[in-house]
Amino acid sequence: MRRSTLNYRPVEESEEDMRITRIMDEIYLEDPRVGSRRLVTLLERDHGIEASRKRIMRLRRKIGIETIWCKPKRTSIRDNGHRKYPYLLRDRIVKWGDEAWGADITYVPMPHGHAYLCAVMDWFSRKVLGWAVSNTMDSALTEKALAAAVAQCLGLPEIFNTDQGSQFTSPQWTGRLVASASGG
């Protein structure tokens, strides 16, 4: 054992750190989404406390405060059992309407939860041909958007571009595309 550790006495938390900790706790209870950068600004602006971001992060770690925020959704995860399709639009210029369509799903935050929006667009005109909203992200959502697009248009395009997410590589989605292309 080292001699320097034999006589060690832990240093008590300073009054200033205790005050900052109390104020940070109050801010956290009011809004748990406030991060360390914004805390530095709030402490200086509202309480006249100048503290570095590293100090704020150390104190937050000490009292166990962690910012709550919505992490990005992973909407493009492919199912291992589904077929992977090639990307057909590389170096291709879309020259007329209904030559290529695209579909995608996005996450829409709302005051009391979230929703998923699937839209089908024409790549040439950028017009939304069909869309659907749901609280679940499954192939039924994408099928509704596709049905709305097909009902509005005369037929399917030459190319239908989507990401490789499981909703777009599922047998339900691809079966619906094949059935719509054959007129069924």
N, C-alpha and C. Protein backbone atom coordinates (compact mmCIF):
# COMPACT_ATOMS: atom_id res chain seq x y z
N MET A 1 0.85 -1.18 0.00
CA MET A 1 0.00 0.00 0.00
C MET A 1 0.89 1.24 0.00
N ARG A 2 0.51 2.23 -0.75
CA ARG A 2 1.28 3.45 -0.83
C ARG A 2 1.03 4.33 0.39
N ARG A 3 2.10 5.07 0.78
CA ARG A 3 1.97 5.95 1.94
C ARG A 3 0.95 7.05 1.72
N SER A 4 0.83 7.52 0.46
CA SER A 4 -0.08 8.63 0.18
C SER A 4 -1.55 8.24 0.41
N THR A 5 -1.84 6.96 0.34
CA THR A 5 -3.23 6.54 0.55
C THR A 5 -3.55 6.27 2.02
N LEU A 6 -2.55 6.12 2.85
CA LEU A 6 -2.80 5.84 4.26
C LEU A 6 -3.45 7.02 4.98
N ASN A 7 -3.02 8.21 4.67
CA ASN A 7 -3.53 9.40 5.35
C ASN A 7 -4.59 10.14 4.54
N TYR A 8 -5.16 9.49 3.53
CA TYR A 8 -6.14 10.17 2.66
C TYR A 8 -7.43 10.42 3.41
N ARG A 9 -7.91 11.65 3.29
CA ARG A 9 -9.21 12.02 3.83
C ARG A 9 -10.04 12.56 2.66
N PRO A 10 -11.21 11.97 2.41
CA PRO A 10 -12.01 12.43 1.30
C PRO A 10 -12.41 13.89 1.46
N VAL A 11 -12.38 14.60 0.36
CA VAL A 11 -12.74 16.02 0.37
C VAL A 11 -14.25 16.12 0.28
N GLU A 12 -14.83 16.94 1.17
CA GLU A 12 -16.28 17.12 1.14
C GLU A 12 -16.68 17.95 -0.06
N GLU A 13 -17.92 17.76 -0.50
CA GLU A 13 -18.45 18.52 -1.63
C GLU A 13 -18.56 19.98 -1.21
N SER A 14 -18.17 20.87 -2.11
CA SER A 14 -18.21 22.30 -1.80
C SER A 14 -19.66 22.79 -1.77
N GLU A 15 -19.87 23.90 -1.08
CA GLU A 15 -21.21 24.50 -1.00
C GLU A 15 -21.72 24.86 -2.40
N GLU A 16 -20.82 25.36 -3.25
CA GLU A 16 -21.20 25.73 -4.62
C GLU A 16 -21.66 24.52 -5.41
N ASP A 17 -20.95 23.39 -5.29
CA ASP A 17 -21.35 22.18 -5.99
C ASP A 17 -22.70 21.67 -5.47
N MET A 18 -22.91 21.75 -4.18
CA MET A 18 -24.20 21.33 -3.59
C MET A 18 -25.34 22.20 -4.13
N ARG A 19 -25.09 23.51 -4.24
CA ARG A 19 -26.10 24.44 -4.77
C ARG A 19 -26.41 24.12 -6.24
N ILE A 20 -25.35 23.90 -7.04
CA ILE A 20 -25.53 23.57 -8.46
C ILE A 20 -26.29 22.27 -8.61
N THR A 21 -25.96 21.28 -7.78
CA THR A 21 -26.62 19.98 -7.82
C THR A 21 -28.11 20.12 -7.52
N ARG A 22 -28.46 20.91 -6.51
CA ARG A 22 -29.85 21.11 -6.15
C ARG A 22 -30.63 21.77 -7.29
N ILE A 23 -30.02 22.80 -7.90
CA ILE A 23 -30.68 23.51 -9.01
C ILE A 23 -30.82 22.58 -10.22
N MET A 24 -29.77 21.79 -10.51
CA MET A 24 -29.85 20.85 -11.63
C MET A 24 -30.96 19.84 -11.40
N ASP A 25 -31.13 19.39 -10.18
CA ASP A 25 -32.17 18.42 -9.86
C ASP A 25 -33.55 19.04 -10.09
N GLU A 26 -33.73 20.29 -9.70
CA GLU A 26 -35.00 20.99 -9.93
C GLU A 26 -35.29 21.13 -11.42
N ILE A 27 -34.26 21.49 -12.18
CA ILE A 27 -34.41 21.63 -13.64
C ILE A 27 -34.77 20.29 -14.25
N TYR A 28 -34.11 19.22 -13.79
CA TYR A 28 -34.36 17.89 -14.33
C TYR A 28 -35.79 17.44 -14.05
N LEU A 29 -36.29 17.73 -12.84
CA LEU A 29 -37.66 17.34 -12.51
C LEU A 29 -38.67 18.10 -13.38
N GLU A 30 -38.32 19.32 -13.76
CA GLU A 30 -39.20 20.12 -14.61
C GLU A 30 -39.14 19.66 -16.06
N ASP A 31 -37.93 19.37 -16.57
CA ASP A 31 -37.75 18.95 -17.96
C ASP A 31 -36.57 17.99 -18.04
N PRO A 32 -36.82 16.68 -18.09
CA PRO A 32 -35.73 15.69 -18.11
C PRO A 32 -35.00 15.61 -19.45
N ARG A 33 -35.40 16.41 -20.44
CA ARG A 33 -34.74 16.39 -21.75
C ARG A 33 -33.57 17.36 -21.84
N VAL A 34 -33.31 18.14 -20.78
CA VAL A 34 -32.25 19.14 -20.81
C VAL A 34 -30.90 18.44 -20.69
N GLY A 35 -30.02 18.70 -21.66
CA GLY A 35 -28.69 18.11 -21.66
C GLY A 35 -27.68 19.02 -20.98
N SER A 36 -26.43 18.60 -20.95
CA SER A 36 -25.39 19.34 -20.22
C SER A 36 -25.11 20.70 -20.86
N ARG A 37 -25.13 20.79 -22.19
CA ARG A 37 -24.88 22.07 -22.85
C ARG A 37 -25.94 23.10 -22.48
N ARG A 38 -27.19 22.67 -22.52
CA ARG A 38 -28.27 23.59 -22.20
C ARG A 38 -28.28 23.92 -20.70
N LEU A 39 -27.88 22.97 -19.87
CA LEU A 39 -27.80 23.22 -18.43
C LEU A 39 -26.81 24.34 -18.12
N VAL A 40 -25.68 24.33 -18.81
CA VAL A 40 -24.68 25.39 -18.62
C VAL A 40 -25.31 26.74 -18.91
N THR A 41 -26.05 26.83 -20.00
CA THR A 41 -26.71 28.09 -20.39
C THR A 41 -27.77 28.49 -19.37
N LEU A 42 -28.61 27.53 -18.96
CA LEU A 42 -29.68 27.83 -17.99
C LEU A 42 -29.12 28.27 -16.64
N LEU A 43 -28.08 27.60 -16.18
CA LEU A 43 -27.49 27.97 -14.89
C LEU A 43 -26.92 29.38 -14.93
N GLU A 44 -26.27 29.72 -16.04
CA GLU A 44 -25.68 31.06 -16.15
C GLU A 44 -26.76 32.12 -16.31
N ARG A 45 -27.73 31.86 -17.18
CA ARG A 45 -28.76 32.86 -17.48
C ARG A 45 -29.73 33.06 -16.32
N ASP A 46 -30.23 31.97 -15.75
CA ASP A 46 -31.29 32.07 -14.75
C ASP A 46 -30.80 32.15 -13.30
N HIS A 47 -29.58 31.64 -13.05
CA HIS A 47 -29.11 31.57 -11.67
C HIS A 47 -27.78 32.27 -11.44
N GLY A 48 -27.19 32.80 -12.49
CA GLY A 48 -25.92 33.52 -12.37
C GLY A 48 -24.75 32.63 -11.99
N ILE A 49 -24.82 31.35 -12.32
CA ILE A 49 -23.76 30.41 -11.98
C ILE A 49 -22.94 30.11 -13.22
N GLU A 50 -21.64 30.37 -13.16
CA GLU A 50 -20.76 30.04 -14.28
C GLU A 50 -20.06 28.73 -13.95
N ALA A 51 -20.36 27.71 -14.75
CA ALA A 51 -19.75 26.40 -14.54
C ALA A 51 -19.42 25.80 -15.90
N SER A 52 -18.33 25.07 -15.94
CA SER A 52 -17.94 24.43 -17.21
C SER A 52 -18.83 23.22 -17.48
N ARG A 53 -18.89 22.84 -18.71
CA ARG A 53 -19.70 21.69 -19.10
C ARG A 53 -19.17 20.42 -18.43
N LYS A 54 -17.83 20.31 -18.31
CA LYS A 54 -17.25 19.12 -17.67
C LYS A 54 -17.67 19.02 -16.20
N ARG A 55 -17.74 20.16 -15.54
CA ARG A 55 -18.15 20.17 -14.14
C ARG A 55 -19.61 19.73 -14.03
N ILE A 56 -20.46 20.25 -14.93
CA ILE A 56 -21.88 19.89 -14.93
C ILE A 56 -22.03 18.38 -15.20
N MET A 57 -21.28 17.87 -16.15
CA MET A 57 -21.35 16.44 -16.46
C MET A 57 -20.90 15.59 -15.27
N ARG A 58 -19.86 16.03 -14.56
CA ARG A 58 -19.37 15.29 -13.39
C ARG A 58 -20.43 15.27 -12.29
N LEU A 59 -21.05 16.42 -12.04
CA LEU A 59 -22.08 16.50 -11.00
C LEU A 59 -23.32 15.68 -11.38
N ARG A 60 -23.69 15.70 -12.64
CA ARG A 60 -24.83 14.92 -13.10
C ARG A 60 -24.57 13.43 -12.91
N ARG A 61 -23.36 13.00 -13.25
CA ARG A 61 -22.99 11.60 -13.07
C ARG A 61 -23.06 11.21 -11.59
N LYS A 62 -22.60 12.13 -10.75
CA LYS A 62 -22.54 11.85 -9.31
C LYS A 62 -23.93 11.65 -8.72
N ILE A 63 -24.90 12.45 -9.17
CA ILE A 63 -26.25 12.32 -8.60
C ILE A 63 -27.16 11.43 -9.44
N GLY A 64 -26.64 10.91 -10.56
CA GLY A 64 -27.38 9.94 -11.35
C GLY A 64 -28.43 10.52 -12.28
N ILE A 65 -28.22 11.75 -12.74
CA ILE A 65 -29.16 12.36 -13.70
C ILE A 65 -28.70 12.03 -15.11
N GLU A 66 -29.63 11.53 -15.92
CA GLU A 66 -29.34 11.21 -17.31
C GLU A 66 -30.45 11.80 -18.18
N THR A 67 -30.07 12.45 -19.25
CA THR A 67 -31.03 13.08 -20.13
C THR A 67 -31.92 12.03 -20.79
N ILE A 68 -33.22 12.32 -20.82
CA ILE A 68 -34.18 11.44 -21.49
C ILE A 68 -34.48 12.05 -22.85
N TRP A 69 -34.29 11.25 -23.90
CA TRP A 69 -34.57 11.74 -25.25
C TRP A 69 -34.98 10.57 -26.12
N CYS A 70 -35.69 10.87 -27.19
CA CYS A 70 -36.13 9.83 -28.12
C CYS A 70 -34.97 9.44 -29.01
N LYS A 71 -34.60 8.21 -28.96
CA LYS A 71 -33.53 7.73 -29.82
C LYS A 71 -34.09 7.50 -31.22
N PRO A 72 -33.26 7.66 -32.25
CA PRO A 72 -33.75 7.43 -33.60
C PRO A 72 -34.25 6.00 -33.77
N LYS A 73 -35.34 5.88 -34.49
CA LYS A 73 -35.90 4.56 -34.76
C LYS A 73 -35.12 3.88 -35.87
N ARG A 74 -35.03 2.59 -35.78
CA ARG A 74 -34.33 1.81 -36.80
C ARG A 74 -35.41 1.21 -37.70
N THR A 75 -35.81 1.98 -38.72
CA THR A 75 -36.94 1.58 -39.56
C THR A 75 -36.53 0.79 -40.78
N SER A 76 -35.26 0.58 -41.03
CA SER A 76 -34.82 -0.10 -42.25
C SER A 76 -34.10 -1.41 -41.98
N ILE A 77 -34.56 -2.16 -41.02
CA ILE A 77 -33.91 -3.42 -40.68
C ILE A 77 -34.54 -4.53 -41.51
N ARG A 78 -33.71 -5.24 -42.25
CA ARG A 78 -34.16 -6.31 -43.14
C ARG A 78 -34.29 -7.60 -42.35
N ASP A 79 -35.33 -8.36 -42.65
CA ASP A 79 -35.52 -9.68 -42.05
C ASP A 79 -34.62 -10.66 -42.79
N ASN A 80 -33.94 -11.52 -42.05
CA ASN A 80 -32.99 -12.46 -42.66
C ASN A 80 -33.66 -13.41 -43.66
N GLY A 81 -34.92 -13.75 -43.45
CA GLY A 81 -35.60 -14.68 -44.34
C GLY A 81 -36.11 -14.04 -45.62
N HIS A 82 -36.04 -12.72 -45.72
CA HIS A 82 -36.58 -12.02 -46.89
C HIS A 82 -35.51 -11.84 -47.95
N ARG A 83 -35.97 -11.79 -49.19
CA ARG A 83 -35.06 -11.63 -50.32
C ARG A 83 -34.55 -10.19 -50.39
N LYS A 84 -33.28 -10.03 -50.72
CA LYS A 84 -32.70 -8.70 -50.91
C LYS A 84 -32.79 -8.35 -52.40
N TYR A 85 -33.28 -7.15 -52.69
CA TYR A 85 -33.48 -6.73 -54.07
C TYR A 85 -32.40 -5.73 -54.48
N PRO A 86 -32.02 -5.75 -55.76
CA PRO A 86 -30.96 -4.83 -56.23
C PRO A 86 -31.47 -3.39 -56.35
N TYR A 87 -30.54 -2.45 -56.26
CA TYR A 87 -30.86 -1.03 -56.43
C TYR A 87 -30.81 -0.72 -57.93
N LEU A 88 -31.94 -0.35 -58.52
CA LEU A 88 -32.04 -0.18 -59.97
C LEU A 88 -31.90 1.27 -60.45
N LEU A 89 -31.82 2.22 -59.53
CA LEU A 89 -31.81 3.62 -59.94
C LEU A 89 -30.42 4.25 -59.97
N ARG A 90 -29.38 3.47 -59.73
CA ARG A 90 -28.03 4.01 -59.74
C ARG A 90 -27.69 4.52 -61.14
N ASP A 91 -27.27 5.76 -61.25
CA ASP A 91 -26.90 6.41 -62.51
C ASP A 91 -28.05 6.47 -63.52
N ARG A 92 -29.27 6.30 -63.08
CA ARG A 92 -30.42 6.38 -63.97
C ARG A 92 -31.12 7.72 -63.78
N ILE A 93 -31.49 8.35 -64.86
CA ILE A 93 -32.24 9.61 -64.80
C ILE A 93 -33.69 9.29 -65.11
N VAL A 94 -34.57 9.61 -64.17
CA VAL A 94 -36.01 9.36 -64.35
C VAL A 94 -36.55 10.47 -65.25
N LYS A 95 -37.12 10.09 -66.41
CA LYS A 95 -37.50 11.07 -67.43
C LYS A 95 -38.99 11.30 -67.57
N TRP A 96 -39.85 10.43 -67.02
CA TRP A 96 -41.29 10.63 -67.15
C TRP A 96 -41.99 10.10 -65.90
N GLY A 97 -43.23 10.54 -65.72
CA GLY A 97 -44.03 10.11 -64.59
C GLY A 97 -44.34 8.62 -64.67
N ASP A 98 -44.51 8.01 -63.55
CA ASP A 98 -44.79 6.58 -63.41
C ASP A 98 -43.68 5.69 -63.96
N GLU A 99 -42.49 6.24 -64.16
CA GLU A 99 -41.34 5.41 -64.54
C GLU A 99 -40.77 4.73 -63.28
N ALA A 100 -40.73 5.51 -62.19
CA ALA A 100 -40.20 4.97 -60.93
C ALA A 100 -40.97 5.58 -59.76
N TRP A 101 -41.33 4.71 -58.83
CA TRP A 101 -41.95 5.14 -57.59
C TRP A 101 -41.02 4.78 -56.45
N GLY A 102 -41.23 5.44 -55.35
CA GLY A 102 -40.48 5.12 -54.15
C GLY A 102 -41.42 5.11 -52.95
N ALA A 103 -41.07 4.37 -51.92
CA ALA A 103 -41.87 4.32 -50.70
C ALA A 103 -40.92 4.32 -49.51
N ASP A 104 -41.36 4.96 -48.44
CA ASP A 104 -40.56 4.97 -47.22
C ASP A 104 -41.47 5.17 -46.02
N ILE A 105 -40.96 4.83 -44.86
CA ILE A 105 -41.68 4.99 -43.60
C ILE A 105 -40.90 5.98 -42.75
N THR A 106 -41.62 6.88 -42.10
CA THR A 106 -40.99 7.81 -41.18
C THR A 106 -41.71 7.78 -39.84
N TYR A 107 -40.98 8.17 -38.81
CA TYR A 107 -41.46 8.20 -37.44
C TYR A 107 -41.93 9.62 -37.16
N VAL A 108 -43.18 9.79 -36.71
CA VAL A 108 -43.73 11.12 -36.46
C VAL A 108 -43.99 11.27 -34.96
N PRO A 109 -43.17 12.08 -34.25
CA PRO A 109 -43.43 12.29 -32.82
C PRO A 109 -44.68 13.15 -32.64
N MET A 110 -45.46 12.81 -31.62
CA MET A 110 -46.70 13.53 -31.33
C MET A 110 -46.73 13.82 -29.83
N PRO A 111 -47.62 14.73 -29.39
CA PRO A 111 -47.63 15.09 -27.97
C PRO A 111 -47.80 13.91 -27.01
N HIS A 112 -48.59 12.92 -27.38
CA HIS A 112 -48.84 11.80 -26.46
C HIS A 112 -48.43 10.47 -27.08
N GLY A 113 -47.28 10.41 -27.71
CA GLY A 113 -46.80 9.18 -28.30
C GLY A 113 -46.17 9.43 -29.65
N HIS A 114 -46.40 8.53 -30.58
CA HIS A 114 -45.83 8.66 -31.93
C HIS A 114 -46.69 7.90 -32.92
N ALA A 115 -46.44 8.15 -34.19
CA ALA A 115 -47.13 7.44 -35.27
C ALA A 115 -46.11 7.16 -36.37
N TYR A 116 -46.45 6.24 -37.24
CA TYR A 116 -45.62 5.94 -38.40
C TYR A 116 -46.38 6.35 -39.65
N LEU A 117 -45.67 7.01 -40.54
CA LEU A 117 -46.26 7.46 -41.80
C LEU A 117 -45.52 6.77 -42.94
N CYS A 118 -46.27 6.11 -43.81
CA CYS A 118 -45.70 5.49 -45.01
C CYS A 118 -46.23 6.26 -46.20
N ALA A 119 -45.34 6.68 -47.08
CA ALA A 119 -45.74 7.43 -48.26
C ALA A 119 -45.17 6.77 -49.51
N VAL A 120 -45.96 6.77 -50.58
CA VAL A 120 -45.53 6.29 -51.89
C VAL A 120 -45.49 7.50 -52.80
N MET A 121 -44.31 7.72 -53.43
CA MET A 121 -44.12 8.91 -54.26
C MET A 121 -43.67 8.54 -55.67
N ASP A 122 -44.04 9.40 -56.62
CA ASP A 122 -43.53 9.29 -57.98
C ASP A 122 -42.20 10.03 -58.01
N TRP A 123 -41.14 9.38 -58.47
CA TRP A 123 -39.80 9.99 -58.46
C TRP A 123 -39.67 11.14 -59.44
N PHE A 124 -40.42 11.12 -60.52
CA PHE A 124 -40.30 12.18 -61.52
C PHE A 124 -40.97 13.47 -61.03
N SER A 125 -42.22 13.38 -60.62
CA SER A 125 -42.97 14.57 -60.22
C SER A 125 -42.84 14.89 -58.73
N ARG A 126 -42.34 13.96 -57.94
CA ARG A 126 -42.25 14.08 -56.48
C ARG A 126 -43.62 14.19 -55.82
N LYS A 127 -44.64 13.75 -56.52
CA LYS A 127 -46.01 13.79 -56.01
C LYS A 127 -46.25 12.58 -55.10
N VAL A 128 -46.91 12.82 -53.97
CA VAL A 128 -47.29 11.71 -53.09
C VAL A 128 -48.52 11.06 -53.69
N LEU A 129 -48.39 9.80 -54.04
CA LEU A 129 -49.47 9.07 -54.70
C LEU A 129 -50.38 8.36 -53.71
N GLY A 130 -49.83 7.95 -52.60
CA GLY A 130 -50.60 7.28 -51.57
C GLY A 130 -49.87 7.33 -50.25
N TRP A 131 -50.62 7.33 -49.17
CA TRP A 131 -50.00 7.36 -47.85
C TRP A 131 -50.92 6.68 -46.84
N ALA A 132 -50.32 6.30 -45.72
CA ALA A 132 -51.07 5.68 -44.63
C ALA A 132 -50.37 6.00 -43.32
N VAL A 133 -51.15 6.09 -42.25
CA VAL A 133 -50.62 6.37 -40.91
C VAL A 133 -51.08 5.25 -39.98
N SER A 134 -50.17 4.84 -39.09
CA SER A 134 -50.50 3.78 -38.14
C SER A 134 -49.65 3.95 -36.88
N ASN A 135 -50.10 3.32 -35.79
CA ASN A 135 -49.28 3.34 -34.58
C ASN A 135 -48.35 2.13 -34.52
N THR A 136 -48.44 1.24 -35.52
CA THR A 136 -47.50 0.12 -35.62
C THR A 136 -46.82 0.16 -36.98
N MET A 137 -45.57 -0.27 -36.99
CA MET A 137 -44.80 -0.26 -38.23
C MET A 137 -44.73 -1.69 -38.75
N ASP A 138 -45.72 -2.06 -39.54
CA ASP A 138 -45.76 -3.41 -40.08
C ASP A 138 -46.12 -3.38 -41.56
N SER A 139 -46.21 -4.54 -42.18
CA SER A 139 -46.48 -4.57 -43.62
C SER A 139 -47.89 -4.11 -43.94
N ALA A 140 -48.82 -4.17 -42.98
CA ALA A 140 -50.18 -3.68 -43.23
C ALA A 140 -50.15 -2.18 -43.52
N LEU A 141 -49.29 -1.44 -42.83
CA LEU A 141 -49.14 0.00 -43.07
C LEU A 141 -48.68 0.26 -44.50
N THR A 142 -47.67 -0.47 -44.94
CA THR A 142 -47.14 -0.25 -46.29
C THR A 142 -48.13 -0.70 -47.35
N GLU A 143 -48.90 -1.76 -47.07
CA GLU A 143 -49.91 -2.23 -48.02
C GLU A 143 -51.02 -1.20 -48.21
N LYS A 144 -51.42 -0.53 -47.13
CA LYS A 144 -52.46 0.51 -47.23
C LYS A 144 -51.98 1.66 -48.11
N ALA A 145 -50.72 2.07 -47.91
CA ALA A 145 -50.17 3.17 -48.72
C ALA A 145 -50.08 2.75 -50.19
N LEU A 146 -49.66 1.52 -50.45
CA LEU A 146 -49.58 1.02 -51.82
C LEU A 146 -50.97 0.95 -52.46
N ALA A 147 -51.95 0.46 -51.71
CA ALA A 147 -53.32 0.36 -52.23
C ALA A 147 -53.86 1.75 -52.59
N ALA A 148 -53.56 2.75 -51.77
CA ALA A 148 -54.00 4.12 -52.06
C ALA A 148 -53.34 4.65 -53.33
N ALA A 149 -52.06 4.33 -53.52
CA ALA A 149 -51.34 4.79 -54.72
C ALA A 149 -51.86 4.10 -55.97
N VAL A 150 -52.06 2.80 -55.90
CA VAL A 150 -52.54 2.04 -57.06
C VAL A 150 -53.96 2.48 -57.43
N ALA A 151 -54.80 2.76 -56.43
CA ALA A 151 -56.17 3.20 -56.70
C ALA A 151 -56.19 4.54 -57.42
N GLN A 152 -55.21 5.39 -57.16
CA GLN A 152 -55.16 6.73 -57.77
C GLN A 152 -54.57 6.68 -59.18
N CYS A 153 -53.71 5.73 -59.46
CA CYS A 153 -53.01 5.67 -60.74
C CYS A 153 -53.54 4.53 -61.59
N LEU A 154 -53.12 4.51 -62.85
CA LEU A 154 -53.58 3.48 -63.79
C LEU A 154 -52.88 2.15 -63.60
N GLY A 155 -51.66 2.17 -63.12
CA GLY A 155 -50.91 0.93 -62.95
C GLY A 155 -49.66 1.18 -62.14
N LEU A 156 -48.81 0.18 -62.11
CA LEU A 156 -47.55 0.30 -61.38
C LEU A 156 -46.45 0.81 -62.30
N PRO A 157 -45.40 1.38 -61.74
CA PRO A 157 -44.29 1.85 -62.56
C PRO A 157 -43.36 0.72 -62.99
N GLU A 158 -42.38 1.05 -63.81
CA GLU A 158 -41.37 0.08 -64.21
C GLU A 158 -40.51 -0.33 -63.02
N ILE A 159 -40.17 0.66 -62.19
CA ILE A 159 -39.30 0.43 -61.04
C ILE A 159 -40.00 0.91 -59.78
N PHE A 160 -39.95 0.09 -58.73
CA PHE A 160 -40.49 0.49 -57.43
C PHE A 160 -39.34 0.43 -56.44
N ASN A 161 -38.90 1.59 -55.95
CA ASN A 161 -37.72 1.67 -55.09
C ASN A 161 -38.11 1.85 -53.63
N THR A 162 -37.57 1.00 -52.76
CA THR A 162 -37.74 1.13 -51.31
C THR A 162 -36.42 0.77 -50.66
N ASP A 163 -36.35 0.99 -49.35
CA ASP A 163 -35.17 0.49 -48.63
C ASP A 163 -35.36 -1.02 -48.44
N GLN A 164 -34.44 -1.65 -47.75
CA GLN A 164 -34.49 -3.10 -47.57
C GLN A 164 -35.12 -3.48 -46.23
N GLY A 165 -35.96 -2.59 -45.67
CA GLY A 165 -36.63 -2.88 -44.40
C GLY A 165 -37.57 -4.06 -44.54
N SER A 166 -37.86 -4.73 -43.43
CA SER A 166 -38.66 -5.95 -43.47
C SER A 166 -40.07 -5.71 -43.99
N GLN A 167 -40.60 -4.50 -43.83
CA GLN A 167 -41.95 -4.22 -44.32
C GLN A 167 -41.99 -4.24 -45.85
N PHE A 168 -40.87 -3.87 -46.50
CA PHE A 168 -40.82 -3.79 -47.95
C PHE A 168 -40.25 -5.05 -48.60
N THR A 169 -39.70 -5.96 -47.81
CA THR A 169 -39.19 -7.21 -48.36
C THR A 169 -40.05 -8.39 -47.94
N SER A 170 -41.14 -8.12 -47.22
CA SER A 170 -42.01 -9.20 -46.75
C SER A 170 -42.79 -9.81 -47.91
N PRO A 171 -43.19 -11.07 -47.77
CA PRO A 171 -44.00 -11.71 -48.82
C PRO A 171 -45.33 -10.99 -49.06
N GLN A 172 -45.90 -10.37 -48.02
CA GLN A 172 -47.16 -9.64 -48.19
C GLN A 172 -46.97 -8.45 -49.13
N TRP A 173 -45.89 -7.68 -48.91
CA TRP A 173 -45.64 -6.49 -49.73
C TRP A 173 -45.29 -6.89 -51.16
N THR A 174 -44.35 -7.80 -51.32
CA THR A 174 -43.93 -8.19 -52.67
C THR A 174 -45.07 -8.90 -53.39
N GLY A 175 -45.85 -9.68 -52.68
CA GLY A 175 -47.01 -10.34 -53.29
C GLY A 175 -48.03 -9.32 -53.77
N ARG A 176 -48.22 -8.28 -52.99
CA ARG A 176 -49.16 -7.22 -53.39
C ARG A 176 -48.67 -6.50 -54.64
N LEU A 177 -47.36 -6.26 -54.72
CA LEU A 177 -46.79 -5.62 -55.92
C LEU A 177 -46.98 -6.51 -57.16
N VAL A 178 -46.70 -7.79 -57.00
CA VAL A 178 -46.85 -8.73 -58.13
C VAL A 178 -48.31 -8.81 -58.55
N ALA A 179 -49.23 -8.88 -57.57
CA ALA A 179 -50.66 -8.97 -57.88
C ALA A 179 -51.14 -7.69 -58.58
N SER A 180 -50.67 -6.53 -58.13
CA SER A 180 -51.07 -5.27 -58.75
C SER A 180 -50.50 -5.14 -60.15
N ALA A 181 -49.28 -5.64 -60.35
CA ALA A 181 -48.64 -5.55 -61.67
C ALA A 181 -49.35 -6.45 -62.68
N SER A 182 -49.88 -7.58 -62.20
CA SER A 182 -50.57 -8.49 -63.11
C SER A 182 -52.05 -8.17 -63.25
N GLY A 183 -52.47 -7.06 -62.58
CA GLY A 183 -53.85 -6.62 -62.73
C GLY A 183 -54.80 -7.22 -61.70
N GLY A 184 -54.28 -7.90 -60.69
CA GLY A 184 -55.13 -8.56 -59.69
C GLY A 184 -55.41 -7.77 -58.50
